[in-house]
Amino acid sequence: MKTIGMLMWEHRLIERVIGLFPEEVARIGTTNRVNTVFIQTAVDFIRTYADRTHHGKEEDILFRELKEKPLAPDLARIMGELIDEHIYARSVVKRLVDANDRYIKGEDTIRDITEQLELLAGFYPAHIRKEDKDFFHQSMEYLSPEEQDRMKGEFEDFDRMMIHEKYKSLVETLSGRPVSWSPPGMVR
């Protein structure tokens, strides 16, 4: 699989989860109740898989490499937009988490929750389309086959470390104490 093939495959999985959001918004509209477990699970998927794993490979590896290249102005502009869009998605997810937490505590945040779900449902397809159609293939022209192979190896190493990162964080949250041990090569 090519370097960008890995990223595009991840897009297909992200699309499947995001595709559930309009259905969830409709269900909330019908029942006037929020399935807080669905929201928590969706947030975990977005934060761990879509953002940390997928956007992490883009930002920490692909964009890092491309920043060293003399990119065409249009491609550099798109890369800047993609970075800004990642930041935007994080802010929407944060608002969704806050609204869900307040709902669990008894506040009526149904409108806030559905608004954030709708924003994410609208955002991700356009963002993915921009990466797939306007950026990934064009960016590969700036990387040699050797650089692409090295980057693919970094992507694979990044993925291997994610399970350790996720569950190290969980142990720290549950115990209330930092874990001093990290597996060799852990990125964060």
Protein backbone atom coordinates (compact mmCIF):
# COMPACT_ATOMS: atom_id res chain seq x y z
CA MET A 1 0.00 0.00 0.00
CA LYS A 2 1.27 3.47 -0.87
CA THR A 3 1.85 6.07 1.81
CA ILE A 4 -1.25 8.06 0.96
CA GLY A 5 -3.21 4.84 0.57
CA MET A 6 -2.89 4.33 4.31
CA LEU A 7 -4.34 7.77 4.98
CA MET A 8 -7.12 7.34 2.45
CA TRP A 9 -8.07 3.95 3.92
CA GLU A 10 -8.37 5.64 7.32
CA HIS A 11 -10.68 8.20 5.71
CA ARG A 12 -13.10 5.45 4.74
CA LEU A 13 -13.38 4.32 8.37
CA ILE A 14 -13.81 7.90 9.61
CA GLU A 15 -16.56 8.46 7.02
CA ARG A 16 -18.47 5.44 8.32
CA VAL A 17 -18.54 6.74 11.88
CA ILE A 18 -19.29 10.34 10.90
CA GLY A 19 -22.04 9.00 8.65
CA LEU A 20 -23.87 7.84 11.79
CA PHE A 21 -24.18 11.39 13.13
CA PRO A 22 -27.18 12.53 11.05
CA GLU A 23 -29.03 9.38 12.16
CA GLU A 24 -28.19 10.16 15.77
CA VAL A 25 -29.37 13.76 15.38
CA ALA A 26 -32.67 12.48 13.92
CA ARG A 27 -33.04 9.99 16.78
CA ILE A 28 -32.43 12.76 19.33
CA GLY A 29 -35.02 14.90 17.56
CA THR A 30 -37.57 12.09 17.75
CA THR A 31 -36.94 11.02 21.35
CA ASN A 32 -35.73 14.33 22.81
CA ARG A 33 -33.07 12.28 24.62
CA VAL A 34 -29.34 11.96 24.12
CA ASN A 35 -27.61 8.60 24.06
CA THR A 36 -24.63 9.75 26.11
CA VAL A 37 -22.79 6.47 25.57
CA PHE A 38 -23.02 6.96 21.79
CA ILE A 39 -21.59 10.49 22.20
CA GLN A 40 -18.77 9.28 24.46
CA THR A 41 -17.93 6.42 22.11
CA ALA A 42 -18.01 8.68 19.05
CA VAL A 43 -15.79 11.22 20.82
CA ASP A 44 -13.33 8.49 21.77
CA PHE A 45 -13.20 7.39 18.12
CA ILE A 46 -12.72 10.93 16.84
CA ARG A 47 -10.10 11.88 19.43
CA THR A 48 -8.13 8.64 19.29
CA TYR A 49 -8.52 7.50 15.71
CA ALA A 50 -9.49 10.48 13.54
CA ASP A 51 -7.48 13.10 15.37
CA ARG A 52 -4.57 11.55 17.24
CA THR A 53 -3.91 8.61 14.92
CA HIS A 54 -4.93 9.97 11.50
CA HIS A 55 -4.34 13.70 11.88
CA GLY A 56 -1.27 12.84 13.95
CA LYS A 57 0.31 11.03 11.01
CA GLU A 58 -0.55 13.94 8.75
CA GLU A 59 0.73 16.68 11.06
CA ASP A 60 3.65 14.91 12.73
CA ILE A 61 4.98 13.10 9.66
CA LEU A 62 3.56 14.13 6.27
CA PHE A 63 3.28 17.87 6.89
CA ARG A 64 6.65 17.89 8.68
CA GLU A 65 8.28 16.44 5.57
CA LEU A 66 6.42 18.73 3.20
CA LYS A 67 7.36 21.86 5.17
CA GLU A 68 10.94 21.17 4.07
CA LYS A 69 9.94 21.19 0.39
CA PRO A 70 9.44 24.14 -1.97
CA LEU A 71 5.69 23.54 -2.34
CA ALA A 72 3.66 25.32 -4.98
CA PRO A 73 1.76 28.21 -3.35
CA ASP A 74 -1.63 26.54 -3.83
CA LEU A 75 -0.46 23.32 -2.20
CA ALA A 76 1.16 25.20 0.70
CA ARG A 77 -2.08 27.13 1.18
CA ILE A 78 -4.11 23.90 1.25
CA MET A 79 -1.73 22.38 3.80
CA GLY A 80 -2.22 25.45 6.00
CA GLU A 81 -5.99 25.13 5.62
CA LEU A 82 -5.83 21.45 6.58
CA ILE A 83 -3.92 22.28 9.76
CA ASP A 84 -6.49 24.97 10.61
CA GLU A 85 -9.29 22.51 9.93
CA HIS A 86 -7.77 19.97 12.33
CA ILE A 87 -7.74 22.67 15.02
CA TYR A 88 -11.35 23.53 14.21
CA ALA A 89 -12.44 19.88 14.49
CA ARG A 90 -10.78 19.63 17.90
CA SER A 91 -12.72 22.68 19.09
CA VAL A 92 -16.04 21.23 17.89
CA VAL A 93 -15.30 17.92 19.62
CA LYS A 94 -14.44 19.79 22.82
CA ARG A 95 -17.79 21.60 22.68
CA LEU A 96 -19.54 18.27 22.10
CA VAL A 97 -17.82 16.75 25.14
CA ASP A 98 -18.70 19.76 27.28
CA ALA A 99 -22.37 19.66 26.19
CA ASN A 100 -22.57 15.90 26.76
CA ASP A 101 -21.03 16.25 30.24
CA ARG A 102 -23.51 18.99 31.13
CA TYR A 103 -26.37 16.84 29.80
CA ILE A 104 -25.24 13.96 32.04
CA LYS A 105 -25.36 16.39 34.99
CA GLY A 106 -28.96 17.26 34.17
CA GLU A 107 -28.71 20.36 32.00
CA ASP A 108 -30.76 20.63 28.83
CA THR A 109 -27.97 20.72 26.25
CA ILE A 110 -29.74 18.76 23.53
CA ARG A 111 -29.52 21.66 21.09
CA ASP A 112 -25.79 22.10 21.78
CA ILE A 113 -25.17 18.39 21.26
CA THR A 114 -27.09 18.19 18.01
CA GLU A 115 -25.41 21.35 16.70
CA GLN A 116 -21.95 19.90 17.30
CA LEU A 117 -22.90 16.57 15.73
CA GLU A 118 -24.24 18.43 12.69
CA LEU A 119 -21.06 20.52 12.45
CA LEU A 120 -18.90 17.39 12.51
CA ALA A 121 -21.18 15.62 10.01
CA GLY A 122 -20.76 18.56 7.63
CA PHE A 123 -17.08 19.18 8.32
CA TYR A 124 -15.49 15.78 7.89
CA PRO A 125 -16.76 14.87 4.40
CA ALA A 126 -15.55 18.20 2.98
CA HIS A 127 -12.24 17.96 4.83
CA ILE A 128 -11.66 14.40 3.63
CA ARG A 129 -12.59 15.33 0.07
CA LYS A 130 -10.04 18.18 0.15
CA GLU A 131 -7.30 15.84 1.37
CA ASP A 132 -8.17 13.04 -1.06
CA LYS A 133 -8.77 15.15 -4.17
CA ASP A 134 -6.71 18.32 -3.71
CA PHE A 135 -3.76 17.42 -1.52
CA PHE A 136 -2.56 13.84 -1.07
CA HIS A 137 -1.75 12.91 -4.66
CA GLN A 138 -0.32 16.34 -5.44
CA SER A 139 1.89 16.30 -2.32
CA MET A 140 3.48 12.98 -3.28
CA GLU A 141 5.09 14.67 -6.28
CA TYR A 142 7.40 16.44 -3.80
CA LEU A 143 8.60 13.24 -2.15
CA SER A 144 10.96 10.70 -3.67
CA PRO A 145 10.02 7.02 -3.60
CA GLU A 146 12.61 6.55 -0.85
CA GLU A 147 11.10 9.37 1.22
CA GLN A 148 7.65 7.89 0.74
CA ASP A 149 8.85 4.45 1.85
CA ARG A 150 10.51 5.95 4.93
CA MET A 151 7.35 7.89 5.70
CA LYS A 152 5.25 4.73 5.33
CA GLY A 153 7.49 3.07 7.92
CA GLU A 154 7.00 6.04 10.24
CA PHE A 155 3.23 5.75 9.76
CA GLU A 156 3.37 2.08 10.73
CA ASP A 157 5.53 2.84 13.80
CA PHE A 158 3.12 5.64 14.76
CA ASP A 159 0.16 3.26 14.57
CA ARG A 160 1.94 0.62 16.68
CA MET A 161 2.47 3.13 19.48
CA MET A 162 -1.13 4.37 19.61
CA ILE A 163 -2.46 1.50 21.72
CA HIS A 164 0.22 2.14 24.33
CA GLU A 165 -0.43 5.88 24.30
CA LYS A 166 -4.19 5.43 24.69
CA TYR A 167 -4.00 3.01 27.56
CA LYS A 168 -1.13 4.73 29.35
CA SER A 169 -3.39 7.78 29.43
CA LEU A 170 -6.28 5.66 30.71
CA VAL A 171 -4.14 4.28 33.55
CA GLU A 172 -3.07 7.81 34.46
CA THR A 173 -6.69 8.99 34.47
CA LEU A 174 -7.93 6.06 36.56
CA SER A 175 -5.07 6.18 39.05
CA GLY A 176 -4.71 9.95 39.21
CA ARG A 177 -0.94 9.57 38.86
CA PRO A 178 1.44 9.80 35.94
CA VAL A 179 2.93 6.63 34.54
CA SER A 180 6.69 6.98 34.30
CA TRP A 181 7.18 4.04 31.97
CA SER A 182 6.79 4.37 28.23
CA PRO A 183 7.48 1.75 25.59
CA PRO A 184 10.56 2.50 23.49
CA GLY A 185 9.71 4.88 20.67
CA MET A 186 6.48 6.20 22.20
CA VAL A 187 5.72 9.44 20.40
CA ARG A 188 3.99 11.32 23.25
